Amino acid sequence: MSCFEIRFSELWTYECSNSSERLPIARLSDRGGHVHGRLEIEVNRVLLPYLGYFGPDDVCFNEWVFQLHSALNTLRSALRISHTYDEGEQGQPAFLFERESDALFVSIVASELSDGAADPDWQRVACSFTDFDRSVAQFLTDFRQHLCSAAPQFAAEWWSRIAQ
C-alpha cells in the first residue's frame, strides 16, 4: 500500500451568480468554471485536514488540481526542494511539501497571507516521494478523465486553464 493516496468524489459546480447552489458536474460551464467536491489526501493512512473551508465535500478543485500539479512539477525538479500552498483565505493554514531525495515531508504551517495557524500534529509527516509522485500523477489522470466524461463540453477548456 502507498503511504500517499488521493481520492475524489461527489463533484459539483456552481454558476458565478449563485455559488450556494450545488449543480451536477455535468453542468460545468464557462460561466462559472469552478469544480468542488470531496477530496481526500491520505498520508500514512491519516487524512490531511483543512482541504475545504466549508467541509470535506466542499474542496475547490480549481485550487487543489493546480496546486498538486504545481507541487509535482516543482518537487520533480530537484532532490531537495519544497512547495508551499498558501491559499490565504478565510483563516486557512498553508500546506508545505518538502522533498529530500526519496523522502517527502508534509506539514501544515501557519499562513503568511491570513491568520491560518499551523497544526502541531502535522509537522514533517514523512512518506515516500515515489508514492507521492505516483499518486499525484494518477490522481491528475483519473480526475481529467472523469471530468471529460462527466462534462465533455467544457472539461478540456477547464483543464487547460487550471492544470497547464
N, C-alpha and C. Protein backbone atom coordinates (compact mmCIF):
# COMPACT_ATOMS: atom_id res chain seq x y z
N MET A 1 0.84 -1.19 0.00
CA MET A 1 0.00 0.00 0.00
C MET A 1 0.88 1.25 0.00
N SER A 2 0.44 2.24 -0.72
CA SER A 2 1.14 3.50 -0.82
C SER A 2 0.97 4.32 0.46
N CYS A 3 1.99 5.07 0.82
CA CYS A 3 1.89 5.94 2.00
C CYS A 3 1.27 7.30 1.65
N PHE A 4 0.99 7.53 0.36
CA PHE A 4 0.37 8.78 -0.08
C PHE A 4 -0.72 8.42 -1.07
N GLU A 5 -1.98 8.71 -0.72
CA GLU A 5 -3.11 8.33 -1.57
C GLU A 5 -4.04 9.54 -1.73
N ILE A 6 -4.64 9.62 -2.91
CA ILE A 6 -5.59 10.71 -3.20
C ILE A 6 -6.86 10.10 -3.79
N ARG A 7 -8.00 10.56 -3.28
CA ARG A 7 -9.29 10.12 -3.80
C ARG A 7 -10.18 11.35 -3.97
N PHE A 8 -11.09 11.27 -4.94
CA PHE A 8 -12.07 12.34 -5.12
C PHE A 8 -13.43 11.72 -5.38
N SER A 9 -14.47 12.47 -5.04
CA SER A 9 -15.84 12.01 -5.28
C SER A 9 -16.78 13.20 -5.13
N GLU A 10 -18.06 12.96 -5.40
CA GLU A 10 -19.12 13.94 -5.15
C GLU A 10 -18.85 15.29 -5.79
N LEU A 11 -18.37 15.30 -7.04
CA LEU A 11 -18.05 16.56 -7.71
C LEU A 11 -19.32 17.34 -8.05
N TRP A 12 -19.22 18.65 -7.95
CA TRP A 12 -20.31 19.55 -8.29
C TRP A 12 -19.74 20.87 -8.76
N THR A 13 -20.60 21.70 -9.31
CA THR A 13 -20.18 23.01 -9.80
C THR A 13 -21.22 24.03 -9.40
N TYR A 14 -20.99 25.27 -9.75
CA TYR A 14 -21.96 26.34 -9.50
C TYR A 14 -21.77 27.41 -10.54
N GLU A 15 -22.76 28.24 -10.67
CA GLU A 15 -22.65 29.40 -11.55
C GLU A 15 -22.21 30.58 -10.72
N CYS A 16 -21.42 31.45 -11.30
CA CYS A 16 -20.87 32.59 -10.55
C CYS A 16 -21.95 33.42 -9.87
N SER A 17 -23.11 33.51 -10.48
CA SER A 17 -24.18 34.34 -9.91
C SER A 17 -24.82 33.71 -8.68
N ASN A 18 -24.58 32.39 -8.46
CA ASN A 18 -25.19 31.73 -7.31
C ASN A 18 -24.27 30.60 -6.83
N SER A 19 -23.28 30.96 -6.05
CA SER A 19 -22.28 29.97 -5.62
C SER A 19 -22.80 29.06 -4.51
N SER A 20 -23.98 29.33 -3.99
CA SER A 20 -24.51 28.47 -2.92
C SER A 20 -25.32 27.29 -3.47
N GLU A 21 -25.67 27.31 -4.74
CA GLU A 21 -26.44 26.21 -5.33
C GLU A 21 -25.49 25.20 -5.96
N ARG A 22 -25.51 23.98 -5.43
CA ARG A 22 -24.66 22.91 -5.95
C ARG A 22 -25.33 22.27 -7.16
N LEU A 23 -24.67 22.42 -8.30
CA LEU A 23 -25.18 21.86 -9.54
C LEU A 23 -24.41 20.60 -9.89
N PRO A 24 -25.05 19.66 -10.61
CA PRO A 24 -24.32 18.46 -11.04
C PRO A 24 -23.11 18.86 -11.89
N ILE A 25 -22.05 18.08 -11.79
CA ILE A 25 -20.81 18.41 -12.51
C ILE A 25 -21.04 18.47 -14.02
N ALA A 26 -22.04 17.78 -14.52
CA ALA A 26 -22.36 17.85 -15.95
C ALA A 26 -22.75 19.26 -16.37
N ARG A 27 -23.11 20.11 -15.42
CA ARG A 27 -23.48 21.50 -15.72
C ARG A 27 -22.29 22.45 -15.71
N LEU A 28 -21.08 21.92 -15.59
CA LEU A 28 -19.88 22.76 -15.66
C LEU A 28 -19.94 23.58 -16.93
N SER A 29 -19.70 24.88 -16.80
CA SER A 29 -19.79 25.75 -17.97
C SER A 29 -18.71 26.81 -17.91
N ASP A 30 -18.64 27.58 -18.96
CA ASP A 30 -17.69 28.69 -18.99
C ASP A 30 -18.19 29.87 -18.18
N ARG A 31 -19.42 29.81 -17.67
CA ARG A 31 -19.97 30.90 -16.87
C ARG A 31 -19.53 30.84 -15.41
N GLY A 32 -18.98 29.74 -14.97
CA GLY A 32 -18.54 29.61 -13.58
C GLY A 32 -17.19 28.94 -13.55
N GLY A 33 -17.18 27.78 -14.11
CA GLY A 33 -15.92 27.08 -14.25
C GLY A 33 -15.29 26.59 -12.96
N HIS A 34 -16.06 26.52 -11.88
CA HIS A 34 -15.49 26.00 -10.64
C HIS A 34 -15.97 24.59 -10.39
N VAL A 35 -15.04 23.73 -9.98
CA VAL A 35 -15.36 22.36 -9.63
C VAL A 35 -15.08 22.20 -8.14
N HIS A 36 -16.07 21.71 -7.42
CA HIS A 36 -15.95 21.43 -5.99
C HIS A 36 -16.35 19.99 -5.75
N GLY A 37 -16.07 19.50 -4.57
CA GLY A 37 -16.46 18.16 -4.20
C GLY A 37 -15.61 17.66 -3.05
N ARG A 38 -15.58 16.34 -2.91
CA ARG A 38 -14.81 15.70 -1.84
C ARG A 38 -13.42 15.34 -2.36
N LEU A 39 -12.41 15.77 -1.63
CA LEU A 39 -11.02 15.41 -1.92
C LEU A 39 -10.44 14.85 -0.64
N GLU A 40 -9.86 13.66 -0.75
CA GLU A 40 -9.20 13.05 0.40
C GLU A 40 -7.75 12.79 0.03
N ILE A 41 -6.86 13.37 0.80
CA ILE A 41 -5.43 13.12 0.67
C ILE A 41 -5.02 12.42 1.95
N GLU A 42 -4.51 11.23 1.79
CA GLU A 42 -4.15 10.40 2.94
C GLU A 42 -2.63 10.22 2.97
N VAL A 43 -2.05 10.56 4.10
CA VAL A 43 -0.61 10.39 4.31
C VAL A 43 -0.45 9.40 5.45
N ASN A 44 0.17 8.27 5.15
CA ASN A 44 0.33 7.21 6.14
C ASN A 44 -1.01 6.83 6.79
N ARG A 45 -2.02 6.72 5.95
CA ARG A 45 -3.38 6.31 6.36
C ARG A 45 -4.11 7.31 7.25
N VAL A 46 -3.66 8.55 7.28
CA VAL A 46 -4.32 9.61 8.04
C VAL A 46 -4.73 10.70 7.05
N LEU A 47 -6.00 11.13 7.12
CA LEU A 47 -6.48 12.15 6.20
C LEU A 47 -5.89 13.52 6.53
N LEU A 48 -5.42 14.20 5.50
CA LEU A 48 -4.91 15.56 5.62
C LEU A 48 -6.11 16.48 5.85
N PRO A 49 -6.12 17.24 6.95
CA PRO A 49 -7.27 18.10 7.24
C PRO A 49 -7.17 19.45 6.53
N TYR A 50 -8.22 20.23 6.64
CA TYR A 50 -8.29 21.63 6.18
C TYR A 50 -8.32 21.80 4.66
N LEU A 51 -8.70 20.76 3.92
CA LEU A 51 -8.69 20.89 2.46
C LEU A 51 -9.82 21.77 1.95
N GLY A 52 -10.95 21.76 2.62
CA GLY A 52 -12.09 22.58 2.23
C GLY A 52 -12.58 23.41 3.39
N TYR A 53 -12.73 24.69 3.19
CA TYR A 53 -13.13 25.57 4.27
C TYR A 53 -14.51 25.23 4.82
N PHE A 54 -15.45 24.88 3.93
CA PHE A 54 -16.81 24.57 4.36
C PHE A 54 -17.01 23.08 4.53
N GLY A 55 -15.96 22.32 4.71
CA GLY A 55 -16.07 20.89 4.96
C GLY A 55 -15.41 20.06 3.88
N PRO A 56 -15.29 18.76 4.13
CA PRO A 56 -14.56 17.88 3.23
C PRO A 56 -15.23 17.66 1.88
N ASP A 57 -16.53 17.99 1.76
CA ASP A 57 -17.20 17.84 0.47
C ASP A 57 -17.32 19.16 -0.28
N ASP A 58 -16.58 20.17 0.18
CA ASP A 58 -16.59 21.49 -0.48
C ASP A 58 -15.16 21.95 -0.73
N VAL A 59 -14.38 21.06 -1.27
CA VAL A 59 -12.99 21.38 -1.62
C VAL A 59 -12.98 21.99 -3.02
N CYS A 60 -12.23 23.05 -3.21
CA CYS A 60 -12.13 23.70 -4.52
C CYS A 60 -11.07 22.98 -5.36
N PHE A 61 -11.53 22.26 -6.36
CA PHE A 61 -10.61 21.54 -7.24
C PHE A 61 -9.87 22.47 -8.17
N ASN A 62 -10.42 23.66 -8.44
CA ASN A 62 -9.66 24.64 -9.22
C ASN A 62 -8.33 24.92 -8.54
N GLU A 63 -8.37 25.05 -7.22
CA GLU A 63 -7.14 25.31 -6.45
C GLU A 63 -6.30 24.06 -6.29
N TRP A 64 -6.90 22.96 -5.83
CA TRP A 64 -6.11 21.78 -5.50
C TRP A 64 -5.54 21.06 -6.71
N VAL A 65 -6.25 21.03 -7.83
CA VAL A 65 -5.67 20.43 -9.04
C VAL A 65 -4.46 21.24 -9.46
N PHE A 66 -4.61 22.57 -9.48
CA PHE A 66 -3.49 23.43 -9.84
C PHE A 66 -2.32 23.23 -8.88
N GLN A 67 -2.59 23.22 -7.58
CA GLN A 67 -1.52 23.11 -6.59
C GLN A 67 -0.83 21.75 -6.63
N LEU A 68 -1.58 20.68 -6.76
CA LEU A 68 -0.96 19.36 -6.83
C LEU A 68 -0.15 19.20 -8.11
N HIS A 69 -0.65 19.74 -9.20
CA HIS A 69 0.09 19.74 -10.47
C HIS A 69 1.39 20.53 -10.31
N SER A 70 1.30 21.71 -9.72
CA SER A 70 2.48 22.56 -9.50
C SER A 70 3.46 21.91 -8.53
N ALA A 71 2.95 21.33 -7.44
CA ALA A 71 3.82 20.67 -6.46
C ALA A 71 4.57 19.52 -7.11
N LEU A 72 3.87 18.72 -7.91
CA LEU A 72 4.51 17.59 -8.57
C LEU A 72 5.64 18.08 -9.48
N ASN A 73 5.37 19.08 -10.30
CA ASN A 73 6.41 19.59 -11.19
C ASN A 73 7.58 20.19 -10.43
N THR A 74 7.28 20.94 -9.38
CA THR A 74 8.35 21.55 -8.57
C THR A 74 9.19 20.47 -7.88
N LEU A 75 8.53 19.53 -7.23
CA LEU A 75 9.25 18.52 -6.45
C LEU A 75 10.01 17.53 -7.32
N ARG A 76 9.60 17.37 -8.57
CA ARG A 76 10.35 16.53 -9.50
C ARG A 76 11.63 17.21 -9.99
N SER A 77 11.72 18.51 -9.82
CA SER A 77 12.82 19.27 -10.41
C SER A 77 14.14 19.20 -9.65
N ALA A 78 14.13 18.74 -8.42
CA ALA A 78 15.38 18.67 -7.64
C ALA A 78 15.20 17.65 -6.51
N LEU A 79 16.30 17.13 -6.02
CA LEU A 79 16.24 16.15 -4.94
C LEU A 79 16.00 16.79 -3.58
N ARG A 80 16.21 18.09 -3.49
CA ARG A 80 15.99 18.82 -2.23
C ARG A 80 15.30 20.14 -2.57
N ILE A 81 13.97 20.14 -2.39
CA ILE A 81 13.18 21.30 -2.80
C ILE A 81 11.84 21.27 -2.07
N SER A 82 11.16 22.40 -2.02
CA SER A 82 9.85 22.44 -1.34
C SER A 82 8.83 23.20 -2.19
N HIS A 83 7.59 22.96 -1.84
CA HIS A 83 6.46 23.66 -2.48
C HIS A 83 5.46 23.99 -1.37
N THR A 84 5.03 25.23 -1.32
CA THR A 84 4.05 25.66 -0.33
C THR A 84 2.78 26.10 -1.03
N TYR A 85 1.66 25.63 -0.52
CA TYR A 85 0.36 26.11 -0.99
C TYR A 85 -0.25 26.91 0.15
N ASP A 86 -0.31 28.21 -0.03
CA ASP A 86 -0.87 29.12 0.96
C ASP A 86 -2.02 29.87 0.31
N GLU A 87 -3.22 29.37 0.52
CA GLU A 87 -4.41 29.96 -0.09
C GLU A 87 -4.66 31.37 0.44
N GLY A 88 -4.36 31.58 1.71
CA GLY A 88 -4.50 32.91 2.29
C GLY A 88 -5.94 33.38 2.41
N GLU A 89 -6.86 32.45 2.49
CA GLU A 89 -8.26 32.83 2.53
C GLU A 89 -8.96 32.25 3.76
N GLN A 90 -9.77 33.04 4.39
CA GLN A 90 -10.68 32.60 5.44
C GLN A 90 -9.99 31.83 6.57
N GLY A 91 -8.80 32.24 6.93
CA GLY A 91 -8.11 31.62 8.05
C GLY A 91 -7.55 30.23 7.79
N GLN A 92 -7.42 29.85 6.52
CA GLN A 92 -6.87 28.54 6.19
C GLN A 92 -5.36 28.52 6.43
N PRO A 93 -4.83 27.40 6.89
CA PRO A 93 -3.38 27.28 7.04
C PRO A 93 -2.73 27.04 5.67
N ALA A 94 -1.43 26.98 5.66
CA ALA A 94 -0.68 26.66 4.43
C ALA A 94 -0.21 25.21 4.50
N PHE A 95 0.01 24.63 3.34
CA PHE A 95 0.46 23.25 3.23
C PHE A 95 1.87 23.26 2.63
N LEU A 96 2.79 22.62 3.32
CA LEU A 96 4.19 22.59 2.89
C LEU A 96 4.57 21.16 2.53
N PHE A 97 5.08 20.99 1.31
CA PHE A 97 5.57 19.71 0.82
C PHE A 97 7.07 19.86 0.61
N GLU A 98 7.86 19.05 1.31
CA GLU A 98 9.32 19.14 1.22
C GLU A 98 9.89 17.81 0.72
N ARG A 99 10.67 17.89 -0.34
CA ARG A 99 11.33 16.69 -0.84
C ARG A 99 12.78 16.68 -0.39
N GLU A 100 13.21 15.53 0.13
CA GLU A 100 14.61 15.31 0.46
C GLU A 100 14.95 13.93 -0.08
N SER A 101 15.52 13.90 -1.29
CA SER A 101 15.82 12.67 -2.01
C SER A 101 14.52 11.90 -2.25
N ASP A 102 14.40 10.67 -1.72
CA ASP A 102 13.15 9.94 -1.93
C ASP A 102 12.21 10.05 -0.72
N ALA A 103 12.45 11.00 0.13
CA ALA A 103 11.52 11.25 1.24
C ALA A 103 10.70 12.49 0.93
N LEU A 104 9.45 12.45 1.35
CA LEU A 104 8.57 13.61 1.25
C LEU A 104 8.05 13.90 2.64
N PHE A 105 8.07 15.16 3.02
CA PHE A 105 7.56 15.58 4.32
C PHE A 105 6.40 16.54 4.08
N VAL A 106 5.28 16.27 4.74
CA VAL A 106 4.08 17.09 4.60
C VAL A 106 3.85 17.79 5.94
N SER A 107 3.66 19.11 5.87
CA SER A 107 3.40 19.90 7.07
C SER A 107 2.24 20.85 6.83
N ILE A 108 1.51 21.13 7.88
CA ILE A 108 0.51 22.19 7.86
C ILE A 108 1.09 23.31 8.68
N VAL A 109 1.41 24.41 8.00
CA VAL A 109 2.13 25.52 8.62
C VAL A 109 1.25 26.77 8.67
N ALA A 110 1.68 27.74 9.44
CA ALA A 110 0.94 28.99 9.53
C ALA A 110 0.94 29.70 8.18
N SER A 111 -0.19 30.24 7.84
CA SER A 111 -0.30 31.01 6.60
C SER A 111 0.42 32.34 6.75
N GLU A 112 1.09 32.75 5.71
CA GLU A 112 1.70 34.08 5.70
C GLU A 112 0.74 35.12 5.14
N LEU A 113 -0.42 34.66 4.63
CA LEU A 113 -1.38 35.55 3.99
C LEU A 113 -2.65 35.77 4.79
N SER A 114 -2.87 34.93 5.80
CA SER A 114 -4.07 35.06 6.64
C SER A 114 -3.71 34.65 8.06
N ASP A 115 -4.72 34.49 8.88
CA ASP A 115 -4.46 34.10 10.27
C ASP A 115 -4.52 32.59 10.46
N GLY A 116 -4.42 31.82 9.38
CA GLY A 116 -4.42 30.36 9.48
C GLY A 116 -3.23 29.86 10.28
N ALA A 117 -3.49 29.01 11.26
CA ALA A 117 -2.45 28.54 12.18
C ALA A 117 -1.87 27.20 11.74
N ALA A 118 -0.66 26.94 12.18
CA ALA A 118 -0.02 25.64 11.97
C ALA A 118 -0.75 24.58 12.79
N ASP A 119 -0.63 23.34 12.35
CA ASP A 119 -1.21 22.23 13.09
C ASP A 119 -0.06 21.42 13.67
N PRO A 120 0.10 21.39 15.01
CA PRO A 120 1.24 20.70 15.61
C PRO A 120 1.27 19.20 15.32
N ASP A 121 0.12 18.61 14.99
CA ASP A 121 0.09 17.18 14.65
C ASP A 121 0.53 16.90 13.23
N TRP A 122 0.69 17.94 12.43
CA TRP A 122 1.07 17.79 11.03
C TRP A 122 2.37 18.55 10.74
N GLN A 123 3.43 18.14 11.39
CA GLN A 123 4.73 18.74 11.15
C GLN A 123 5.68 17.66 10.64
N ARG A 124 6.12 17.83 9.40
CA ARG A 124 7.08 16.92 8.74
C ARG A 124 6.66 15.45 8.84
N VAL A 125 5.41 15.21 8.47
CA VAL A 125 4.91 13.83 8.39
C VAL A 125 5.57 13.20 7.16
N ALA A 126 6.31 12.13 7.38
CA ALA A 126 7.16 11.55 6.34
C ALA A 126 6.45 10.46 5.54
N CYS A 127 6.74 10.45 4.25
CA CYS A 127 6.35 9.35 3.38
C CYS A 127 7.31 9.32 2.19
N SER A 128 7.08 8.43 1.28
CA SER A 128 7.95 8.25 0.13
C SER A 128 7.62 9.25 -0.98
N PHE A 129 8.64 9.90 -1.53
CA PHE A 129 8.40 10.78 -2.66
C PHE A 129 7.89 9.98 -3.86
N THR A 130 8.39 8.77 -4.04
CA THR A 130 7.94 7.92 -5.14
C THR A 130 6.43 7.67 -5.05
N ASP A 131 5.92 7.42 -3.84
CA ASP A 131 4.48 7.22 -3.66
C ASP A 131 3.72 8.51 -3.96
N PHE A 132 4.23 9.64 -3.50
CA PHE A 132 3.62 10.94 -3.79
C PHE A 132 3.56 11.17 -5.30
N ASP A 133 4.68 10.97 -5.97
CA ASP A 133 4.78 11.18 -7.42
C ASP A 133 3.74 10.32 -8.14
N ARG A 134 3.71 9.05 -7.83
CA ARG A 134 2.80 8.11 -8.48
C ARG A 134 1.34 8.47 -8.19
N SER A 135 1.04 8.79 -6.94
CA SER A 135 -0.35 9.08 -6.55
C SER A 135 -0.86 10.38 -7.16
N VAL A 136 -0.05 11.42 -7.15
CA VAL A 136 -0.48 12.69 -7.73
C VAL A 136 -0.66 12.55 -9.24
N ALA A 137 0.28 11.90 -9.91
CA ALA A 137 0.16 11.70 -11.36
C ALA A 137 -1.10 10.90 -11.69
N GLN A 138 -1.38 9.86 -10.92
CA GLN A 138 -2.57 9.05 -11.16
C GLN A 138 -3.84 9.84 -10.87
N PHE A 139 -3.84 10.61 -9.80
CA PHE A 139 -4.99 11.47 -9.48
C PHE A 139 -5.28 12.43 -10.62
N LEU A 140 -4.25 13.09 -11.14
CA LEU A 140 -4.44 14.06 -12.22
C LEU A 140 -5.02 13.38 -13.46
N THR A 141 -4.52 12.21 -13.79
CA THR A 141 -5.03 11.46 -14.95
C THR A 141 -6.48 11.04 -14.72
N ASP A 142 -6.76 10.46 -13.56
CA ASP A 142 -8.12 9.99 -13.26
C ASP A 142 -9.11 11.15 -13.20
N PHE A 143 -8.70 12.25 -12.58
CA PHE A 143 -9.59 13.40 -12.45
C PHE A 143 -9.92 13.97 -13.83
N ARG A 144 -8.90 14.12 -14.66
CA ARG A 144 -9.12 14.66 -16.02
C ARG A 144 -10.06 13.74 -16.81
N GLN A 145 -9.83 12.45 -16.76
CA GLN A 145 -10.69 11.51 -17.48
C GLN A 145 -12.13 11.58 -16.97
N HIS A 146 -12.29 11.64 -15.66
CA HIS A 146 -13.64 11.72 -15.09
C HIS A 146 -14.33 13.01 -15.53
N LEU A 147 -13.63 14.11 -15.46
CA LEU A 147 -14.20 15.40 -15.85
C LEU A 147 -14.58 15.41 -17.32
N CYS A 148 -13.73 14.86 -18.17
CA CYS A 148 -14.02 14.80 -19.61
C CYS A 148 -15.23 13.93 -19.90
N SER A 149 -15.42 12.91 -19.11
CA SER A 149 -16.58 12.04 -19.28
C SER A 149 -17.85 12.69 -18.74
N ALA A 150 -17.75 13.34 -17.59
CA ALA A 150 -18.93 13.91 -16.93
C ALA A 150 -19.36 15.25 -17.51
N ALA A 151 -18.42 16.03 -18.01
CA ALA A 151 -18.71 17.37 -18.53
C ALA A 151 -17.92 17.62 -19.81
N PRO A 152 -18.16 16.84 -20.85
CA PRO A 152 -17.32 16.89 -22.05
C PRO A 152 -17.29 18.24 -22.75
N GLN A 153 -18.33 19.03 -22.64
CA GLN A 153 -18.38 20.29 -23.37
C GLN A 153 -17.35 21.31 -22.87
N PHE A 154 -17.09 21.34 -21.56
CA PHE A 154 -16.19 22.35 -21.01
C PHE A 154 -14.98 21.80 -20.28
N ALA A 155 -14.86 20.48 -20.19
CA ALA A 155 -13.76 19.88 -19.42
C ALA A 155 -12.39 20.24 -19.99
N ALA A 156 -12.23 20.18 -21.29
CA ALA A 156 -10.92 20.47 -21.89
C ALA A 156 -10.51 21.91 -21.64
N GLU A 157 -11.46 22.83 -21.77
CA GLU A 157 -11.16 24.24 -21.51
C GLU A 157 -10.81 24.45 -20.04
N TRP A 158 -11.57 23.81 -19.14
CA TRP A 158 -11.29 23.93 -17.71
C TRP A 158 -9.89 23.40 -17.41
N TRP A 159 -9.58 22.23 -17.94
CA TRP A 159 -8.28 21.61 -17.68
C TRP A 159 -7.15 22.49 -18.17
N SER A 160 -7.27 23.03 -19.36
CA SER A 160 -6.18 23.86 -19.91
C SER A 160 -6.00 25.15 -19.10
N ARG A 161 -7.07 25.63 -18.52
CA ARG A 161 -6.98 26.83 -17.69
C ARG A 161 -6.38 26.53 -16.31
N ILE A 162 -6.66 25.36 -15.75
CA ILE A 162 -6.27 25.04 -14.38
C ILE A 162 -4.93 24.33 -14.29
N ALA A 163 -4.70 23.35 -15.12
CA ALA A 163 -3.55 22.45 -14.93
C ALA A 163 -2.42 22.65 -15.93
N GLN A 164 -2.37 23.77 -16.59
CA GLN A 164 -1.27 23.97 -17.55
C GLN A 164 -0.26 24.97 -17.04
